[in-house]
Protein backbone atom coordinates (compact mmCIF):
# COMPACT_ATOMS: atom_id res chain seq x y z
CA MET A 1 115.35 -28.35 15.09
CA ALA A 2 117.09 -31.68 14.61
CA GLU A 3 118.71 -30.78 17.72
CA VAL A 4 115.34 -30.68 19.30
CA SER A 5 114.02 -33.60 18.21
CA SER A 6 117.67 -35.96 19.22
CA VAL A 7 116.93 -34.80 22.66
CA LEU A 8 113.76 -35.58 22.92
CA SER A 9 113.97 -39.23 21.18
CA ALA A 10 117.35 -39.97 23.97
CA PRO A 11 115.02 -41.11 26.85
CA TRP A 12 112.99 -43.13 24.67
CA ARG A 13 116.39 -44.59 23.20
CA VAL A 14 117.26 -45.16 26.88
CA LEU A 15 114.66 -46.88 27.59
CA ARG A 16 114.28 -49.29 25.14
CA GLN A 17 118.23 -50.09 25.35
CA ARG A 18 117.33 -50.72 29.32
CA TRP A 19 114.12 -52.88 28.05
CA GLN A 20 115.66 -54.93 25.99
CA ARG A 21 119.24 -55.67 28.58
CA ALA A 22 116.08 -56.46 30.98
CA THR A 23 114.27 -59.06 28.33
CA ARG A 24 117.74 -60.68 27.60
CA THR A 25 118.74 -61.09 30.85
CA CYS A 26 115.09 -62.76 31.85
CA LEU A 27 115.67 -65.02 28.94
CA SER A 28 119.26 -66.49 30.70
CA GLU A 29 117.55 -66.39 33.54
CA GLN A 30 114.71 -68.90 32.60
CA LEU A 31 117.14 -70.75 30.51
CA VAL A 32 119.89 -71.63 33.44
CA MET A 33 116.41 -72.68 35.55
CA LEU A 34 114.92 -74.48 32.83
CA VAL A 35 118.91 -76.52 32.45
CA VAL A 36 118.84 -76.97 36.62
CA VAL A 37 115.15 -78.26 36.15
CA THR A 38 116.19 -80.70 33.50
CA LEU A 39 119.37 -82.12 35.47
CA LEU A 40 117.28 -82.86 38.58
CA MET A 41 114.90 -84.58 36.99
CA ALA A 42 117.31 -86.59 34.82
CA ALA A 43 118.90 -87.52 37.96
CA ALA A 44 115.93 -88.45 39.98
CA ILE A 45 115.27 -90.95 37.08
CA ILE A 46 118.74 -92.33 37.26
CA GLY A 47 118.25 -92.31 41.02
CA LEU A 48 115.12 -93.84 41.84
CA PRO A 49 113.86 -95.33 37.96
CA ASP A 50 111.24 -96.83 40.07
CA PHE A 51 109.42 -93.62 41.03
CA ALA A 52 110.72 -91.01 38.19
CA PRO A 53 109.60 -91.99 34.66
CA MET A 54 110.97 -90.82 31.65
CA MET A 55 108.41 -88.49 31.28
CA LEU A 56 109.83 -85.83 33.38
CA LEU A 57 111.97 -84.68 30.65
CA MET A 58 108.70 -83.12 28.78
CA VAL A 59 107.71 -81.08 31.25
CA PRO A 60 110.87 -78.69 30.92
CA MET A 61 110.84 -79.03 27.01
CA VAL A 62 107.36 -78.27 26.42
CA VAL A 63 107.75 -74.95 29.29
CA ALA A 64 111.01 -74.29 27.05
CA SER A 65 108.65 -74.25 23.65
CA LEU A 66 106.44 -71.61 25.64
CA VAL A 67 109.45 -68.96 26.63
CA LEU A 68 112.60 -69.77 24.64
CA GLY A 69 113.55 -67.36 21.61
CA PRO A 70 114.30 -69.18 18.95
CA ARG A 71 117.62 -68.70 19.27
CA GLN A 72 117.45 -70.70 22.24
CA LEU A 73 115.01 -73.05 21.86
CA PRO A 74 116.80 -75.91 19.44
CA TRP A 75 120.46 -75.99 21.33
CA PHE A 76 117.83 -76.72 24.79
CA VAL A 77 116.19 -79.19 22.74
CA VAL A 78 119.04 -81.25 21.63
CA PHE A 79 120.33 -80.60 25.55
CA VAL A 80 117.47 -82.31 26.74
CA LEU A 81 117.45 -85.52 24.42
CA MET A 82 120.71 -85.45 25.01
CA THR A 83 119.99 -86.09 28.89
CA LEU A 84 117.21 -88.07 27.64
CA ALA A 85 119.78 -90.57 26.11
CA VAL A 86 122.57 -90.32 29.13
CA ALA A 87 119.47 -91.79 31.74
CA VAL A 88 118.44 -93.64 29.24
CA THR A 89 121.87 -95.81 29.19
CA ARG A 90 121.50 -95.76 33.24
CA GLN A 91 118.58 -97.69 33.77
CA PRO A 92 119.20 -101.53 35.42
CA ASP A 93 116.84 -102.38 32.73
CA VAL A 94 115.20 -101.05 29.15
CA THR A 95 111.95 -102.19 29.28
CA ALA A 96 109.36 -102.24 25.88
CA ARG A 97 107.52 -99.47 27.54
CA ILE A 98 110.90 -97.22 28.58
CA ALA A 99 111.76 -98.02 24.59
CA VAL A 100 108.65 -96.49 23.54
CA SER A 101 108.28 -93.50 25.79
CA VAL A 102 111.86 -92.86 24.82
CA ALA A 103 110.87 -92.62 21.03
CA VAL A 104 107.62 -90.79 21.83
CA MET A 105 110.16 -88.01 23.28
CA PHE A 106 112.15 -87.88 20.70
CA ALA A 107 109.23 -87.41 18.11
CA LEU A 108 107.83 -84.30 20.70
CA GLY A 109 111.20 -83.43 20.57
CA PHE A 110 111.65 -83.63 16.86
CA ILE A 111 107.93 -81.78 16.16
CA ILE A 112 109.33 -78.82 18.57
CA LEU A 113 112.37 -78.14 16.55
CA LEU A 114 110.45 -78.03 13.68
CA SER A 115 108.02 -75.37 15.50
CA SER A 116 110.98 -73.41 16.50
CA PHE A 117 112.43 -73.38 13.01
CA ARG A 118 108.98 -71.91 11.57
CA ARG A 119 109.10 -69.37 14.64
CA SER A 120 112.60 -68.00 14.07
CA GLN A 121 110.94 -66.40 10.78
CA LEU A 122 108.89 -64.79 13.29
CA GLY A 123 112.15 -64.20 16.05
CA VAL A 124 109.81 -64.12 19.42
CA ALA A 125 109.23 -66.59 21.65
CA GLY A 126 105.57 -68.56 21.54
CA SER A 127 103.93 -67.05 24.43
CA ARG A 128 105.39 -63.01 23.39
CA GLY A 129 104.19 -64.30 19.71
CA GLU A 130 100.66 -65.32 20.69
CA SER A 131 100.48 -61.79 22.83
CA MET A 132 101.38 -60.18 19.86
CA LEU A 133 98.95 -61.80 17.04
CA VAL A 134 96.16 -60.69 19.84
CA ASP A 135 97.94 -57.52 20.04
CA LEU A 136 97.31 -57.37 15.98
CA ARG A 137 93.61 -58.64 15.73
CA ASP A 138 93.02 -56.05 18.46
CA ARG A 139 94.43 -53.48 16.20
CA ILE A 140 92.15 -54.42 13.28
CA LEU A 141 89.51 -53.95 15.86
CA LYS A 142 90.11 -50.84 16.69
CA GLN A 143 90.09 -49.30 13.00
CA GLY A 144 86.44 -49.58 13.05
CA ALA A 145 85.82 -48.43 16.47
CA ILE A 146 82.52 -46.17 15.93
CA PRO A 147 83.77 -42.45 16.91
CA ALA A 148 81.17 -40.55 19.06
CA LEU A 149 78.51 -39.05 17.61
CA PRO A 150 75.44 -37.16 18.65
CA PRO A 151 72.55 -39.14 20.65
CA SER A 152 70.29 -38.72 17.52
CA TRP A 153 72.33 -41.58 14.95
CA HIS A 154 73.56 -44.92 16.40
CA VAL A 155 76.03 -47.00 14.41
CA MET A 156 77.08 -50.47 15.25
CA TRP A 157 78.95 -53.50 13.20
CA GLU A 158 79.48 -57.10 14.29
CA LEU A 159 82.18 -59.70 12.54
CA ARG A 160 81.42 -63.46 12.43
CA SER A 161 84.85 -64.94 10.86
CA ALA A 162 84.93 -68.13 9.33
CA GLY A 163 85.81 -71.04 11.72
CA GLY A 164 84.98 -68.68 14.84
CA THR A 165 88.83 -67.52 14.58
CA PRO A 166 89.07 -63.77 15.56
CA PHE A 167 90.86 -62.94 12.32
CA ALA A 168 88.92 -62.35 9.27
CA GLY A 169 89.82 -61.16 5.79
CA ASP A 170 86.17 -58.80 6.31
CA PHE A 171 87.09 -55.28 8.84
CA VAL A 172 85.40 -52.30 9.29
CA VAL A 173 87.28 -48.64 9.09
CA ALA A 174 85.61 -45.23 10.79
CA SER A 175 86.41 -42.21 10.66
CA ARG A 176 84.49 -38.54 12.18
CA THR A 177 86.42 -36.58 9.54
CA THR A 178 84.63 -33.33 10.49
CA PRO A 179 81.98 -32.39 12.95
CA GLU A 180 79.28 -33.35 10.55
CA ARG A 181 80.90 -35.73 8.38
CA LEU A 182 81.29 -39.68 9.27
CA GLU A 183 82.91 -41.53 6.94
CA LEU A 184 82.73 -45.50 7.14
CA ALA A 185 83.44 -48.29 4.65
CA VAL A 186 83.02 -52.07 5.37
CA VAL A 187 86.18 -54.10 3.42
CA ASP A 188 86.36 -57.80 2.09
CA VAL A 189 89.84 -58.73 1.62
CA SER A 190 89.75 -61.75 -0.78
CA GLY A 191 90.37 -64.98 0.85
CA LYS A 192 88.45 -66.33 4.39
CA GLY A 193 89.90 -66.69 7.97
CA GLU A 194 93.44 -66.73 9.04
CA ASP A 195 94.53 -66.51 5.37
CA ALA A 196 92.96 -63.02 4.54
CA GLY A 197 93.80 -62.17 8.51
CA THR A 198 97.16 -60.74 7.77
CA ARG A 199 96.19 -58.64 4.73
CA ALA A 200 93.24 -57.71 6.45
CA LEU A 201 95.95 -55.99 9.13
CA LEU A 202 97.87 -54.23 6.63
CA LEU A 203 94.85 -52.59 4.53
CA SER A 204 93.00 -51.70 7.83
CA GLY A 205 95.69 -49.40 9.16
CA ALA A 206 96.30 -48.23 5.61
CA PHE A 207 93.01 -47.58 4.72
CA GLY A 208 92.29 -46.07 8.41
CA GLY A 209 94.98 -43.53 7.40
CA LEU A 210 93.98 -42.97 3.82
CA MET A 211 90.00 -42.25 5.34
CA GLY A 212 91.23 -39.82 7.79
CA ALA A 213 93.50 -37.81 5.29
CA MET A 214 91.67 -37.49 2.52
CA ARG A 215 87.88 -36.38 1.25
CA SER A 216 85.63 -38.61 0.45
CA GLU A 217 85.65 -38.90 -3.15
CA GLU A 218 89.60 -39.50 -3.23
CA PHE A 219 89.00 -42.71 -0.73
CA LEU A 220 88.67 -45.52 -3.03
CA PRO A 221 90.79 -44.10 -5.71
CA ALA A 222 93.93 -43.94 -3.22
CA ALA A 223 92.80 -47.38 -1.72
CA ASN A 224 92.69 -48.98 -5.00
CA ALA A 225 96.19 -47.37 -5.86
CA TYR A 226 97.06 -48.83 -2.57
CA LEU A 227 96.55 -52.30 -3.25
CA LEU A 228 97.90 -52.12 -7.08
CA ARG A 229 101.01 -50.98 -5.37
CA GLN A 230 101.02 -53.94 -3.08
CA ASP A 231 101.54 -56.27 -5.67
CA TRP A 232 100.02 -59.08 -4.01
CA GLU A 233 99.12 -62.90 -5.79
CA GLU A 234 95.36 -62.55 -4.14
CA GLY A 235 95.85 -58.73 -4.09
CA PHE A 236 92.03 -57.45 -4.50
CA ALA A 237 89.56 -56.65 -2.32
CA THR A 238 85.89 -55.33 -2.58
CA ALA A 239 84.80 -52.58 -0.54
CA ILE A 240 81.38 -50.00 0.34
CA HIS A 241 81.92 -46.49 1.53
CA LEU A 242 79.17 -44.38 3.20
CA SER A 243 80.14 -41.04 3.66
CA LEU A 244 77.42 -39.33 5.90
CA ASP A 245 76.39 -35.55 6.78
CA LEU A 246 75.49 -35.95 10.71
CA GLY A 247 73.28 -32.80 10.54
CA SER A 248 71.37 -32.85 7.49
CA GLY A 249 71.47 -37.15 6.80
CA ARG A 250 72.33 -36.58 3.09
CA PHE A 251 74.47 -39.40 2.17
CA ALA A 252 76.90 -40.73 -1.05
CA LEU A 253 77.88 -44.26 -1.19
CA ARG A 254 80.46 -45.67 -3.61
CA SER A 255 81.26 -49.30 -4.08
CA ALA A 256 84.49 -50.77 -4.96
CA GLY A 257 83.00 -54.81 -6.40
CA HIS A 258 80.95 -54.87 -3.17
CA PRO A 259 77.31 -55.95 -2.23
CA PRO A 260 75.01 -52.99 -2.46
CA ALA A 261 73.78 -51.37 0.53
CA ALA A 262 70.11 -51.75 1.66
CA LEU A 263 68.16 -48.19 3.16
CA HIS A 264 65.30 -48.94 5.65
CA ASP A 265 62.19 -46.45 4.74
CA ALA A 266 60.57 -45.74 8.22
CA GLY A 267 57.37 -43.88 5.92
CA SER A 268 57.06 -46.83 4.11
CA GLY A 269 58.60 -50.10 6.34
CA ARG A 270 60.25 -51.27 3.04
CA TRP A 271 63.89 -51.83 2.79
CA ASP A 272 65.12 -51.03 -0.73
CA VAL A 273 68.46 -51.72 -2.33
CA LEU A 274 70.99 -48.98 -3.43
CA GLU A 275 72.57 -50.05 -6.36
CA THR A 276 75.80 -48.83 -6.50
CA GLU A 277 78.78 -49.52 -9.35
CA GLY A 278 82.72 -49.52 -9.40
CA PRO A 279 85.46 -52.04 -10.13
CA VAL A 280 87.14 -54.14 -7.34
CA LEU A 281 90.13 -52.77 -6.04
CA GLY A 282 93.48 -53.92 -6.84
CA LEU A 283 92.84 -54.78 -10.41
CA ILE A 284 92.43 -51.50 -12.39
CA GLU A 285 94.49 -48.34 -12.80
CA ASP A 286 92.99 -45.31 -12.68
CA ALA A 287 89.08 -46.81 -11.41
CA GLU A 288 86.43 -44.59 -10.97
CA PHE A 289 84.07 -45.12 -8.22
CA PRO A 290 80.63 -43.19 -8.87
CA ALA A 291 78.55 -42.67 -6.27
CA VAL A 292 75.01 -42.89 -5.80
CA ARG A 293 73.18 -39.38 -3.36
CA GLY A 294 70.23 -39.89 -0.94
CA GLN A 295 69.21 -38.51 2.19
CA MET A 296 68.43 -40.78 5.48
CA ARG A 297 65.29 -39.53 7.54
CA ARG A 298 64.30 -40.09 10.79
CA GLY A 299 63.43 -43.60 11.91
CA ASP A 300 66.02 -45.14 8.25
CA ALA A 301 68.75 -47.58 8.78
CA MET A 302 70.82 -48.84 6.55
CA LEU A 303 72.68 -52.00 5.99
CA LEU A 304 76.26 -52.26 4.56
CA TYR A 305 77.36 -55.98 4.97
CA THR A 306 80.33 -58.51 3.00
CA ASP A 307 78.82 -61.17 0.94
CA GLY A 308 78.94 -63.68 3.40
CA LEU A 309 76.01 -62.80 4.47
CA VAL A 310 73.98 -63.40 0.80
CA GLU A 311 76.05 -65.61 -0.88
CA THR A 312 75.74 -69.35 -1.43
CA ARG A 313 77.30 -71.37 -3.67
CA GLY A 314 75.53 -72.55 -6.43
CA ARG A 315 72.90 -69.38 -6.03
CA ASP A 316 72.21 -66.21 -7.48
CA ILE A 317 73.41 -63.24 -5.04
CA GLY A 318 69.99 -61.40 -5.57
CA LEU A 319 68.14 -64.28 -4.23
CA GLY A 320 70.65 -63.93 -1.15
CA ILE A 321 70.08 -59.98 -0.70
CA ASP A 322 66.18 -61.13 -0.75
CA ARG A 323 66.68 -63.13 2.09
CA MET A 324 68.30 -60.88 4.40
CA LEU A 325 66.23 -58.23 3.45
CA GLY A 326 63.55 -61.02 4.97
CA GLN A 327 65.18 -61.90 8.00
CA ALA A 328 65.58 -58.11 8.41
CA GLU A 329 62.28 -57.14 8.72
CA ARG A 330 61.23 -60.48 10.78
CA VAL A 331 64.24 -59.98 12.94
CA LEU A 332 64.20 -56.25 13.64
CA ARG A 333 60.57 -55.38 13.19
CA GLY A 334 61.47 -51.48 13.35
CA ASP A 335 63.37 -52.35 16.65
CA PHE A 336 67.30 -51.33 15.59
CA GLU A 337 69.14 -51.43 18.97
CA ASN A 338 71.41 -54.06 19.02
CA GLY A 339 70.23 -55.61 15.50
CA ALA A 340 73.49 -55.87 13.88
CA ALA A 341 74.55 -58.59 16.11
CA ARG A 342 70.68 -59.95 16.15
CA LEU A 343 70.55 -59.50 12.46
CA ILE A 344 73.97 -61.57 11.48
CA ASP A 345 73.48 -64.27 13.91
CA ALA A 346 70.59 -64.66 11.85
CA LEU A 347 71.78 -64.96 8.33
CA GLY A 348 75.12 -66.22 6.80
CA SER A 349 76.87 -69.50 6.84
CA PRO A 350 79.66 -69.74 9.55
CA ASP A 351 82.31 -71.52 6.84
CA ASP A 352 82.66 -68.04 4.96
CA ASP A 353 84.16 -64.55 6.97
CA ARG A 354 80.39 -62.07 7.67
CA ALA A 355 80.61 -58.60 8.67
CA LEU A 356 77.41 -56.13 8.87
CA LEU A 357 77.32 -52.55 10.06
CA MET A 358 74.14 -51.20 10.45
CA VAL A 359 73.69 -47.01 10.74
CA HIS A 360 70.07 -46.16 12.18
CA TYR A 361 68.99 -42.71 12.33
CA ARG A 362 66.40 -42.19 15.22
CA ARG A 363 63.37 -40.50 15.29
CA SER A 364 64.29 -38.77 18.96
């Protein structure tokens, strides 16, 4: 079996080695090109001082900050600054304007050097680092991708992060573990915006794996144990977990210190709060998360959300929930198509992460 695995993995090793060689070759060519461009610009500054400004040398330095890796970038910046110093000594007349331009360029070069030292912790060039962040963001969103459902069920969710950035501490995990069983969880990691985004990235992948591999009642205890093992300073999170039978509409709700779900009864037209209890994830070992059970009927809808939608400093969270349900009656009016986006836009503060998931059991 080991021999078969070795044979199968050999082509992948070859491809990886070729990719690494190609990447190194590409970076070497970029470095050589930048050096040549820098020397040509320096020659123009020396030979044509009336037409070629000193600031020309900023162009290769800025481009290098985008394409060179953390090992090459510092040396190239030093090379550009040394070239600049030589070009200044060859000027026929060093005016105050030239002196200020040179000082500004040295300051910008120093800033680029500082950023390269910080980037060395990641080990990739600027543009590739940004593409990695985009890929990581997409992976968080992919964990919340709603699986294909029967036509009678519609699940939608929306996320708004603090400051409008694509990284947030709120995320959704979804899994259809059996043809009749849908598992959904809304999670709120401690902190907000980019500060919580890195932890949300790790937890979204871990929670997605746990949800797909464990029984419903085991999910929150396993998530709690996982968080405790991380030993983070801000290692806690709240979550609400919905386990839904797509055939009968029966559900089980479990909460870990999270705001309660809300259920819309199509018969009465009212929203009811489903109070659930359970400790915050990552604080107590062997915590228990009791379930609240019920049944959704045709036309019913359920809201799972994070505290950014209902919590306001100095005001009781119960008042925030009442406001959310009032907005739900006013904005939705029994029409739940695209309801998550419409409702989240009418609620919450832009200074906090907000996530809203809506489950609708269609009449037909």
